[in-house]
N, C-alpha and C. Protein backbone atom coordinates (compact mmCIF):
# COMPACT_ATOMS: atom_id res chain seq x y z
N MET A 1 114.58 53.46 102.65
CA MET A 1 115.99 53.17 102.61
C MET A 1 116.16 51.67 102.36
N ALA A 2 117.07 51.33 101.48
CA ALA A 2 117.34 49.93 101.15
C ALA A 2 117.99 49.23 102.35
N ARG A 3 117.77 47.93 102.43
CA ARG A 3 118.28 47.14 103.56
C ARG A 3 119.80 47.31 103.70
N ARG A 4 120.53 47.27 102.58
CA ARG A 4 121.99 47.42 102.63
C ARG A 4 122.37 48.76 103.28
N ASP A 5 121.68 49.82 102.90
CA ASP A 5 121.94 51.14 103.47
C ASP A 5 121.59 51.18 104.96
N GLU A 6 120.52 50.48 105.34
CA GLU A 6 120.14 50.41 106.76
C GLU A 6 121.24 49.72 107.57
N ILE A 7 121.83 48.68 106.99
CA ILE A 7 122.91 47.96 107.67
C ILE A 7 124.12 48.87 107.83
N ILE A 8 124.46 49.60 106.79
CA ILE A 8 125.60 50.52 106.87
C ILE A 8 125.34 51.60 107.90
N GLU A 9 124.12 52.13 107.93
CA GLU A 9 123.77 53.15 108.93
C GLU A 9 123.91 52.59 110.35
N ALA A 10 123.45 51.36 110.55
CA ALA A 10 123.58 50.73 111.87
C ALA A 10 125.05 50.53 112.22
N ALA A 11 125.85 50.13 111.24
CA ALA A 11 127.29 49.95 111.46
C ALA A 11 127.96 51.27 111.80
N LEU A 12 127.56 52.34 111.12
CA LEU A 12 128.13 53.66 111.41
C LEU A 12 127.77 54.11 112.83
N ARG A 13 126.53 53.87 113.24
CA ARG A 13 126.13 54.22 114.61
C ARG A 13 126.96 53.42 115.62
N LEU A 14 127.13 52.14 115.35
CA LEU A 14 127.92 51.28 116.23
C LEU A 14 129.38 51.74 116.26
N ALA A 15 129.93 52.06 115.10
CA ALA A 15 131.32 52.53 115.04
C ALA A 15 131.49 53.83 115.80
N LYS A 16 130.48 54.68 115.73
CA LYS A 16 130.55 55.97 116.43
C LYS A 16 130.58 55.78 117.94
N THR A 17 129.82 54.82 118.43
CA THR A 17 129.75 54.63 119.88
C THR A 17 130.79 53.64 120.41
N GLU A 18 131.11 52.61 119.61
CA GLU A 18 131.99 51.55 120.09
C GLU A 18 133.33 51.49 119.37
N GLY A 19 133.47 52.20 118.25
CA GLY A 19 134.70 52.14 117.47
C GLY A 19 134.59 51.11 116.36
N ILE A 20 135.42 51.29 115.35
CA ILE A 20 135.36 50.40 114.18
C ILE A 20 135.73 48.97 114.55
N GLY A 21 136.56 48.81 115.57
CA GLY A 21 136.93 47.46 116.01
C GLY A 21 135.74 46.64 116.47
N ALA A 22 134.63 47.29 116.80
CA ALA A 22 133.43 46.59 117.27
C ALA A 22 132.56 46.08 116.13
N LEU A 23 132.96 46.31 114.89
CA LEU A 23 132.10 45.98 113.76
C LEU A 23 132.24 44.52 113.33
N SER A 24 131.85 43.63 114.20
CA SER A 24 131.77 42.22 113.82
C SER A 24 130.44 42.00 113.11
N VAL A 25 130.35 40.92 112.38
CA VAL A 25 129.10 40.59 111.68
C VAL A 25 127.96 40.49 112.69
N ARG A 26 128.20 39.79 113.79
CA ARG A 26 127.15 39.59 114.80
C ARG A 26 126.72 40.92 115.43
N ALA A 27 127.69 41.78 115.78
CA ALA A 27 127.36 43.05 116.43
C ALA A 27 126.58 43.97 115.49
N VAL A 28 127.00 44.03 114.24
CA VAL A 28 126.30 44.90 113.28
C VAL A 28 124.91 44.35 112.97
N ALA A 29 124.81 43.03 112.83
CA ALA A 29 123.49 42.43 112.59
C ALA A 29 122.55 42.76 113.75
N ASN A 30 123.05 42.63 114.96
CA ASN A 30 122.25 42.96 116.14
C ASN A 30 121.83 44.43 116.12
N ALA A 31 122.78 45.32 115.81
CA ALA A 31 122.48 46.76 115.77
C ALA A 31 121.46 47.09 114.68
N ALA A 32 121.48 46.31 113.59
CA ALA A 32 120.56 46.55 112.48
C ALA A 32 119.22 45.84 112.68
N GLY A 33 119.13 45.01 113.73
CA GLY A 33 117.88 44.30 113.99
C GLY A 33 117.62 43.16 113.02
N ILE A 34 118.71 42.55 112.53
CA ILE A 34 118.59 41.42 111.61
C ILE A 34 119.49 40.30 112.09
N GLY A 35 119.37 39.15 111.48
CA GLY A 35 120.24 38.03 111.82
C GLY A 35 121.54 38.09 111.03
N PRO A 36 122.58 37.42 111.54
CA PRO A 36 123.86 37.40 110.84
C PRO A 36 123.77 36.84 109.42
N THR A 37 122.88 35.88 109.21
CA THR A 37 122.73 35.31 107.86
C THR A 37 122.21 36.36 106.89
N THR A 38 121.27 37.17 107.33
CA THR A 38 120.75 38.24 106.47
C THR A 38 121.86 39.24 106.17
N LEU A 39 122.64 39.59 107.18
CA LEU A 39 123.75 40.52 106.95
C LEU A 39 124.73 39.94 105.93
N ARG A 40 125.03 38.65 106.06
CA ARG A 40 125.97 38.00 105.14
C ARG A 40 125.45 37.98 103.70
N HIS A 41 124.15 38.07 103.53
CA HIS A 41 123.59 38.17 102.17
C HIS A 41 124.09 39.46 101.50
N TYR A 42 124.15 40.54 102.27
CA TYR A 42 124.57 41.84 101.74
C TYR A 42 126.08 42.03 101.81
N PHE A 43 126.69 41.45 102.83
CA PHE A 43 128.14 41.57 103.04
C PHE A 43 128.67 40.18 103.34
N PRO A 44 129.12 39.44 102.31
CA PRO A 44 129.53 38.05 102.49
C PRO A 44 130.66 37.85 103.51
N SER A 45 131.49 38.85 103.69
CA SER A 45 132.58 38.72 104.66
C SER A 45 132.66 39.97 105.53
N GLN A 46 133.37 39.84 106.63
CA GLN A 46 133.58 40.99 107.51
C GLN A 46 134.38 42.06 106.76
N THR A 47 135.29 41.63 105.90
CA THR A 47 136.06 42.58 105.09
C THR A 47 135.14 43.40 104.20
N ASP A 48 134.15 42.76 103.59
CA ASP A 48 133.19 43.49 102.76
C ASP A 48 132.44 44.52 103.58
N LEU A 49 132.06 44.14 104.79
CA LEU A 49 131.36 45.06 105.68
C LEU A 49 132.26 46.24 106.04
N HIS A 50 133.51 45.94 106.43
CA HIS A 50 134.46 47.01 106.79
C HIS A 50 134.70 47.96 105.62
N GLN A 51 134.81 47.41 104.42
CA GLN A 51 135.05 48.26 103.25
C GLN A 51 133.86 49.19 102.99
N ALA A 52 132.67 48.68 103.16
CA ALA A 52 131.48 49.52 102.95
C ALA A 52 131.40 50.62 104.00
N VAL A 53 131.74 50.28 105.24
CA VAL A 53 131.73 51.29 106.30
C VAL A 53 132.83 52.32 106.05
N ALA A 54 134.01 51.85 105.65
CA ALA A 54 135.11 52.78 105.35
C ALA A 54 134.70 53.75 104.25
N ALA A 55 134.04 53.24 103.23
CA ALA A 55 133.58 54.10 102.13
C ALA A 55 132.61 55.16 102.64
N ALA A 56 131.72 54.76 103.53
CA ALA A 56 130.75 55.71 104.08
C ALA A 56 131.43 56.75 104.97
N VAL A 57 132.44 56.32 105.73
CA VAL A 57 133.14 57.24 106.63
C VAL A 57 133.91 58.28 105.84
N VAL A 58 134.67 57.85 104.85
CA VAL A 58 135.54 58.81 104.14
C VAL A 58 134.78 59.66 103.14
N SER A 59 133.56 59.30 102.83
CA SER A 59 132.82 60.10 101.86
C SER A 59 131.84 61.06 102.53
N GLY A 60 131.98 61.22 103.85
CA GLY A 60 131.09 62.13 104.56
C GLY A 60 131.20 63.55 104.02
N PRO A 61 130.08 64.24 103.94
CA PRO A 61 130.09 65.57 103.31
C PRO A 61 130.71 66.64 104.20
N LEU A 62 131.37 67.58 103.55
CA LEU A 62 131.87 68.79 104.21
C LEU A 62 131.14 69.95 103.57
N ASP A 63 130.53 70.77 104.40
CA ASP A 63 129.71 71.88 103.93
C ASP A 63 130.57 73.12 103.69
N ASP A 64 130.22 73.90 102.70
CA ASP A 64 130.92 75.16 102.44
C ASP A 64 130.54 76.24 103.44
N LEU A 65 129.51 76.00 104.23
CA LEU A 65 129.03 76.95 105.23
C LEU A 65 128.97 78.35 104.63
N ALA A 66 129.60 79.32 105.28
CA ALA A 66 129.53 80.72 104.81
C ALA A 66 130.86 81.16 104.19
N ILE A 67 131.61 80.23 103.62
CA ILE A 67 132.94 80.56 103.10
C ILE A 67 132.88 81.68 102.06
N ALA A 68 131.81 81.79 101.29
CA ALA A 68 131.72 82.80 100.24
C ALA A 68 131.14 84.13 100.72
N ASP A 69 130.70 84.19 101.96
CA ASP A 69 130.06 85.40 102.49
C ASP A 69 131.11 86.45 102.84
N ASP A 70 131.38 87.33 101.88
CA ASP A 70 132.45 88.32 102.05
C ASP A 70 132.09 89.43 103.03
N THR A 71 130.91 89.37 103.62
CA THR A 71 130.57 90.35 104.66
C THR A 71 131.12 89.90 106.02
N ARG A 72 131.53 88.63 106.10
CA ARG A 72 132.10 88.09 107.34
C ARG A 72 133.62 88.06 107.25
N GLU A 73 134.26 88.06 108.38
CA GLU A 73 135.72 88.06 108.46
C GLU A 73 136.26 86.76 107.83
N PRO A 74 137.21 86.84 106.89
CA PRO A 74 137.64 85.65 106.14
C PRO A 74 138.31 84.57 106.99
N ALA A 75 139.13 84.94 107.96
CA ALA A 75 139.77 83.91 108.79
C ALA A 75 138.72 83.15 109.60
N GLN A 76 137.69 83.85 110.06
CA GLN A 76 136.62 83.19 110.82
C GLN A 76 135.85 82.23 109.92
N ARG A 77 135.59 82.63 108.68
CA ARG A 77 134.88 81.74 107.74
C ARG A 77 135.68 80.47 107.49
N LEU A 78 136.99 80.62 107.27
CA LEU A 78 137.83 79.45 107.05
C LEU A 78 137.87 78.58 108.30
N TYR A 79 138.03 79.19 109.44
CA TYR A 79 138.05 78.45 110.71
C TYR A 79 136.75 77.66 110.90
N ASP A 80 135.62 78.30 110.66
CA ASP A 80 134.33 77.62 110.80
C ASP A 80 134.26 76.39 109.91
N CYS A 81 134.76 76.51 108.70
CA CYS A 81 134.76 75.37 107.77
C CYS A 81 135.71 74.27 108.27
N LEU A 82 136.89 74.66 108.72
CA LEU A 82 137.88 73.69 109.19
C LEU A 82 137.39 72.90 110.40
N LEU A 83 136.56 73.52 111.22
CA LEU A 83 136.04 72.83 112.41
C LEU A 83 135.30 71.54 112.06
N GLN A 84 134.80 71.43 110.84
CA GLN A 84 134.07 70.23 110.44
C GLN A 84 134.96 68.99 110.45
N PHE A 85 136.28 69.18 110.42
CA PHE A 85 137.21 68.06 110.45
C PHE A 85 137.44 67.52 111.86
N LEU A 86 137.00 68.25 112.88
CA LEU A 86 137.19 67.81 114.26
C LEU A 86 135.93 67.14 114.79
N PRO A 87 136.09 66.26 115.78
CA PRO A 87 134.90 65.69 116.41
C PRO A 87 134.11 66.79 117.11
N PRO A 88 132.79 66.65 117.20
CA PRO A 88 131.97 67.70 117.77
C PRO A 88 132.09 67.86 119.29
N SER A 89 132.57 66.84 119.98
CA SER A 89 132.68 66.95 121.44
C SER A 89 133.89 66.17 121.92
N GLU A 90 134.23 66.41 123.17
CA GLU A 90 135.38 65.73 123.80
C GLU A 90 135.20 64.22 123.86
N HIS A 91 133.97 63.76 123.86
CA HIS A 91 133.69 62.34 124.06
C HIS A 91 133.60 61.61 122.73
N GLN A 92 134.64 61.70 121.94
CA GLN A 92 134.64 61.10 120.61
C GLN A 92 135.78 60.10 120.44
N GLU A 93 136.20 59.46 121.54
CA GLU A 93 137.29 58.51 121.46
C GLU A 93 136.97 57.40 120.45
N ALA A 94 135.73 56.95 120.43
CA ALA A 94 135.35 55.87 119.51
C ALA A 94 135.48 56.32 118.07
N ALA A 95 135.03 57.54 117.77
CA ALA A 95 135.13 58.05 116.39
C ALA A 95 136.59 58.22 115.99
N LEU A 96 137.40 58.77 116.89
CA LEU A 96 138.82 58.93 116.59
C LEU A 96 139.49 57.57 116.48
N GLY A 97 139.09 56.64 117.34
CA GLY A 97 139.61 55.28 117.24
C GLY A 97 139.23 54.65 115.92
N GLY A 98 138.03 54.95 115.43
CA GLY A 98 137.60 54.45 114.13
C GLY A 98 138.45 55.02 113.01
N TRP A 99 138.77 56.31 113.12
CA TRP A 99 139.66 56.95 112.14
C TRP A 99 141.00 56.24 112.11
N PHE A 100 141.56 55.97 113.30
CA PHE A 100 142.85 55.30 113.37
C PHE A 100 142.74 53.86 112.87
N GLU A 101 141.64 53.19 113.19
CA GLU A 101 141.44 51.81 112.74
C GLU A 101 141.40 51.73 111.22
N LEU A 102 140.81 52.73 110.57
CA LEU A 102 140.82 52.74 109.10
C LEU A 102 142.25 52.78 108.58
N TYR A 103 143.08 53.59 109.20
CA TYR A 103 144.49 53.65 108.79
C TYR A 103 145.18 52.32 109.05
N ARG A 104 144.87 51.69 110.18
CA ARG A 104 145.48 50.39 110.48
C ARG A 104 145.06 49.35 109.44
N LEU A 105 143.78 49.35 109.10
CA LEU A 105 143.30 48.40 108.09
C LEU A 105 143.92 48.66 106.72
N ALA A 106 144.20 49.91 106.43
CA ALA A 106 144.76 50.27 105.13
C ALA A 106 146.27 50.08 105.05
N LEU A 107 146.95 50.29 106.17
CA LEU A 107 148.42 50.35 106.13
C LEU A 107 149.11 49.38 107.07
N GLY A 108 148.35 48.61 107.84
CA GLY A 108 148.92 47.72 108.85
C GLY A 108 149.59 46.50 108.27
N PRO A 109 149.89 45.53 109.13
CA PRO A 109 150.62 44.33 108.71
C PRO A 109 149.87 43.49 107.66
N GLU A 110 148.56 43.53 107.68
CA GLU A 110 147.76 42.82 106.67
C GLU A 110 146.84 43.83 106.00
N PRO A 111 147.42 44.72 105.19
CA PRO A 111 146.63 45.83 104.63
C PRO A 111 145.53 45.36 103.68
N LEU A 112 144.43 46.09 103.72
CA LEU A 112 143.31 45.83 102.81
C LEU A 112 143.36 46.89 101.71
N PRO A 113 143.72 46.50 100.50
CA PRO A 113 143.84 47.48 99.42
C PRO A 113 142.57 48.30 99.20
N ALA A 114 141.42 47.69 99.38
CA ALA A 114 140.17 48.43 99.16
C ALA A 114 140.02 49.54 100.20
N VAL A 115 140.40 49.28 101.45
CA VAL A 115 140.30 50.31 102.48
C VAL A 115 141.31 51.42 102.20
N ARG A 116 142.51 51.02 101.74
CA ARG A 116 143.50 52.04 101.37
C ARG A 116 142.95 52.92 100.25
N GLY A 117 142.33 52.30 99.28
CA GLY A 117 141.72 53.07 98.19
C GLY A 117 140.66 54.02 98.70
N MET A 118 139.86 53.57 99.67
CA MET A 118 138.84 54.44 100.25
C MET A 118 139.47 55.63 100.96
N LEU A 119 140.54 55.36 101.73
CA LEU A 119 141.22 56.45 102.43
C LEU A 119 141.83 57.44 101.45
N GLU A 120 142.44 56.91 100.40
CA GLU A 120 143.02 57.79 99.39
C GLU A 120 141.94 58.64 98.73
N SER A 121 140.81 58.03 98.46
CA SER A 121 139.68 58.76 97.87
C SER A 121 139.18 59.84 98.82
N GLY A 122 139.04 59.49 100.09
CA GLY A 122 138.60 60.46 101.08
C GLY A 122 139.60 61.60 101.24
N HIS A 123 140.88 61.26 101.18
CA HIS A 123 141.93 62.28 101.30
C HIS A 123 141.86 63.23 100.11
N ARG A 124 141.69 62.68 98.92
CA ARG A 124 141.56 63.54 97.72
C ARG A 124 140.33 64.43 97.82
N SER A 125 139.23 63.86 98.28
CA SER A 125 138.00 64.66 98.43
C SER A 125 138.20 65.79 99.43
N SER A 126 138.84 65.48 100.54
CA SER A 126 139.11 66.52 101.55
C SER A 126 140.01 67.60 100.97
N ALA A 127 141.03 67.20 100.23
CA ALA A 127 141.93 68.18 99.61
C ALA A 127 141.18 69.08 98.64
N GLN A 128 140.28 68.49 97.86
CA GLN A 128 139.50 69.28 96.90
C GLN A 128 138.59 70.28 97.61
N VAL A 129 138.00 69.86 98.72
CA VAL A 129 137.14 70.78 99.48
C VAL A 129 137.98 71.92 100.05
N LEU A 130 139.12 71.58 100.64
CA LEU A 130 140.00 72.62 101.19
C LEU A 130 140.45 73.59 100.09
N GLN A 131 140.81 73.04 98.94
CA GLN A 131 141.21 73.90 97.82
C GLN A 131 140.06 74.80 97.39
N ARG A 132 138.86 74.26 97.38
CA ARG A 132 137.69 75.07 96.99
C ARG A 132 137.48 76.23 97.98
N TRP A 133 137.57 75.92 99.27
CA TRP A 133 137.41 76.98 100.27
C TRP A 133 138.49 78.05 100.10
N LEU A 134 139.73 77.59 99.94
CA LEU A 134 140.85 78.53 99.82
C LEU A 134 140.78 79.33 98.52
N ARG A 135 140.33 78.69 97.44
CA ARG A 135 140.18 79.43 96.17
C ARG A 135 139.09 80.49 96.29
N THR A 136 138.03 80.17 97.01
CA THR A 136 136.97 81.16 97.23
C THR A 136 137.56 82.38 97.92
N LEU A 137 138.36 82.14 98.96
CA LEU A 137 138.99 83.25 99.67
C LEU A 137 140.02 83.96 98.80
N ALA A 138 140.73 83.20 97.97
CA ALA A 138 141.71 83.81 97.06
C ALA A 138 141.01 84.70 96.03
N ASP A 139 139.88 84.24 95.52
CA ASP A 139 139.11 85.03 94.55
C ASP A 139 138.62 86.34 95.16
N GLN A 140 138.46 86.35 96.47
CA GLN A 140 138.03 87.57 97.17
C GLN A 140 139.21 88.42 97.63
N GLY A 141 140.44 87.94 97.35
CA GLY A 141 141.63 88.70 97.70
C GLY A 141 142.16 88.45 99.11
N HIS A 142 141.72 87.35 99.75
CA HIS A 142 142.12 87.09 101.14
C HIS A 142 143.22 86.04 101.28
N VAL A 143 143.51 85.31 100.21
CA VAL A 143 144.56 84.29 100.21
C VAL A 143 145.36 84.47 98.92
N VAL A 144 146.68 84.31 99.00
CA VAL A 144 147.51 84.41 97.81
C VAL A 144 147.16 83.22 96.90
N PRO A 145 146.71 83.48 95.67
CA PRO A 145 146.26 82.39 94.79
C PRO A 145 147.29 81.28 94.58
N ASP A 146 148.56 81.64 94.46
CA ASP A 146 149.59 80.62 94.23
C ASP A 146 149.83 79.73 95.45
N ASP A 147 149.29 80.11 96.60
CA ASP A 147 149.50 79.35 97.84
C ASP A 147 148.35 78.39 98.17
N VAL A 148 147.32 78.37 97.35
CA VAL A 148 146.13 77.57 97.67
C VAL A 148 146.47 76.10 97.85
N ASP A 149 147.18 75.49 96.91
CA ASP A 149 147.49 74.06 97.01
C ASP A 149 148.38 73.76 98.21
N THR A 150 149.37 74.62 98.44
CA THR A 150 150.27 74.43 99.58
C THR A 150 149.50 74.53 100.90
N HIS A 151 148.65 75.52 101.00
CA HIS A 151 147.85 75.67 102.23
C HIS A 151 146.91 74.48 102.43
N ALA A 152 146.34 73.96 101.35
CA ALA A 152 145.46 72.79 101.48
C ALA A 152 146.24 71.58 102.00
N SER A 153 147.45 71.37 101.48
CA SER A 153 148.30 70.26 101.95
C SER A 153 148.66 70.44 103.42
N ARG A 154 149.00 71.66 103.80
CA ARG A 154 149.34 71.93 105.20
C ARG A 154 148.13 71.70 106.11
N ALA A 155 146.96 72.10 105.64
CA ALA A 155 145.75 71.90 106.44
C ALA A 155 145.49 70.42 106.66
N LEU A 156 145.65 69.61 105.62
CA LEU A 156 145.44 68.16 105.78
C LEU A 156 146.44 67.57 106.76
N ALA A 157 147.70 67.99 106.68
CA ALA A 157 148.71 67.49 107.61
C ALA A 157 148.37 67.91 109.04
N LEU A 158 147.95 69.14 109.21
CA LEU A 158 147.56 69.63 110.53
C LEU A 158 146.38 68.83 111.08
N ILE A 159 145.37 68.63 110.26
CA ILE A 159 144.17 67.91 110.70
C ILE A 159 144.51 66.48 111.10
N ASP A 160 145.33 65.79 110.30
CA ASP A 160 145.73 64.43 110.66
C ASP A 160 146.49 64.43 111.99
N GLY A 161 147.39 65.39 112.16
CA GLY A 161 148.13 65.49 113.41
C GLY A 161 147.23 65.78 114.60
N LEU A 162 146.25 66.64 114.40
CA LEU A 162 145.31 66.94 115.48
C LEU A 162 144.53 65.69 115.87
N HIS A 163 144.06 64.93 114.88
CA HIS A 163 143.33 63.70 115.18
C HIS A 163 144.20 62.75 116.00
N LEU A 164 145.44 62.58 115.58
CA LEU A 164 146.34 61.67 116.28
C LEU A 164 146.59 62.13 117.71
N ASN A 165 146.83 63.42 117.90
CA ASN A 165 147.06 63.94 119.25
C ASN A 165 145.81 63.83 120.12
N LEU A 166 144.64 64.07 119.56
CA LEU A 166 143.40 63.91 120.32
C LEU A 166 143.22 62.46 120.76
N LEU A 167 143.68 61.54 119.93
CA LEU A 167 143.52 60.12 120.22
C LEU A 167 144.53 59.63 121.25
N ILE A 168 145.80 59.99 121.09
CA ILE A 168 146.82 59.40 121.97
C ILE A 168 147.11 60.22 123.22
N GLY A 169 146.74 61.49 123.23
CA GLY A 169 147.05 62.30 124.39
C GLY A 169 145.96 63.24 124.80
N PRO A 170 144.72 62.75 124.97
CA PRO A 170 143.61 63.66 125.27
C PRO A 170 143.77 64.41 126.59
N GLU A 171 144.58 63.87 127.50
CA GLU A 171 144.78 64.56 128.78
C GLU A 171 145.70 65.77 128.64
N ARG A 172 146.54 65.81 127.60
CA ARG A 172 147.42 66.96 127.39
C ARG A 172 147.03 67.78 126.17
N PHE A 173 146.24 67.18 125.28
CA PHE A 173 145.84 67.87 124.05
C PHE A 173 144.37 67.59 123.83
N ASP A 174 143.53 68.55 124.17
CA ASP A 174 142.09 68.34 124.09
C ASP A 174 141.49 69.07 122.89
N LEU A 175 140.18 68.99 122.80
CA LEU A 175 139.46 69.59 121.67
C LEU A 175 139.66 71.11 121.63
N THR A 176 139.76 71.74 122.78
CA THR A 176 140.01 73.18 122.81
C THR A 176 141.35 73.51 122.16
N ALA A 177 142.37 72.73 122.48
CA ALA A 177 143.69 72.95 121.87
C ALA A 177 143.65 72.71 120.37
N ALA A 178 142.90 71.70 119.95
CA ALA A 178 142.78 71.42 118.51
C ALA A 178 142.08 72.58 117.81
N ARG A 179 141.04 73.10 118.43
CA ARG A 179 140.34 74.25 117.83
C ARG A 179 141.26 75.46 117.75
N GLU A 180 142.05 75.68 118.79
CA GLU A 180 142.99 76.81 118.78
C GLU A 180 144.02 76.65 117.66
N ALA A 181 144.47 75.42 117.42
CA ALA A 181 145.42 75.17 116.33
C ALA A 181 144.79 75.49 114.97
N LEU A 182 143.53 75.13 114.79
CA LEU A 182 142.85 75.45 113.53
C LEU A 182 142.65 76.96 113.38
N ARG A 183 142.34 77.63 114.48
CA ARG A 183 142.19 79.09 114.42
C ARG A 183 143.53 79.73 114.05
N TRP A 184 144.60 79.27 114.68
CA TRP A 184 145.94 79.78 114.38
C TRP A 184 146.24 79.62 112.88
N PHE A 185 145.94 78.43 112.35
CA PHE A 185 146.18 78.17 110.93
C PHE A 185 145.37 79.14 110.06
N ALA A 186 144.09 79.26 110.34
CA ALA A 186 143.22 80.12 109.53
C ALA A 186 143.71 81.57 109.56
N GLU A 187 144.15 82.02 110.71
CA GLU A 187 144.63 83.41 110.82
C GLU A 187 145.94 83.63 110.08
N ARG A 188 146.77 82.60 109.94
CA ARG A 188 148.04 82.72 109.22
C ARG A 188 147.85 82.64 107.70
N VAL A 189 146.86 81.89 107.27
CA VAL A 189 146.63 81.68 105.84
C VAL A 189 145.99 82.90 105.19
N VAL A 190 145.09 83.51 105.90
CA VAL A 190 144.35 84.66 105.35
C VAL A 190 145.23 85.90 105.44
N THR A 191 145.29 86.64 104.31
CA THR A 191 146.12 87.86 104.28
C THR A 191 145.28 89.09 104.55
C-alpha cells in the first residue's frame, strides 16, 4: 500500500473512533506512525487531508448482496441491502458525527467546494446503487418499474433522516428504530 493510502487509512480509523473533527495533521500523523512533516508532503494542508478523507468516506462500496436471488423474499432482500447505510452498532456516534461533519464542511459558514463535490458524488453513487437494487426487483416483477427513481429518492431522504435522528436523539431513536424504519420502507416498496 502506498504511503498516501496508509495515511488515509489511518485517518479513516481515527475518524471512526474519534470523529472527523479529530483529524488534525498532528493526530493523523501520529495515527499513521509518521511525523507531521511527512504527512504535509502528501497533504500540504489540513483541507487537503479532509478532502481526501471525505472522498474515501463517500466512495465506500455498497454490496448488492442477494438482491438478485429471486428464491428469497424480495422485501427482505431490499431490507438487507438498505441496512448497509446504517452504522453496524449502537456505538457509532463518532461515525455519525463524521457524517454530519462532512455536511458541515460542505454547507457550513465556510463551505469547502471540494467536500461539497465529494458529498454530491457520494449521493449520486448511492442513488445509482439504490436504483440498481430497485430495478433488479422491478425486473423480477416486485417493484413498479415507473416508481424506481421515486423510491430511490425516498430511500435517500429516509436514510439521511435516520442518520440525523441517530445522531441528535439516540436516547429516543436508536438503531433498532432505524432498522424498523428501513424494514417498513422495504415492505411498502415491494409489491
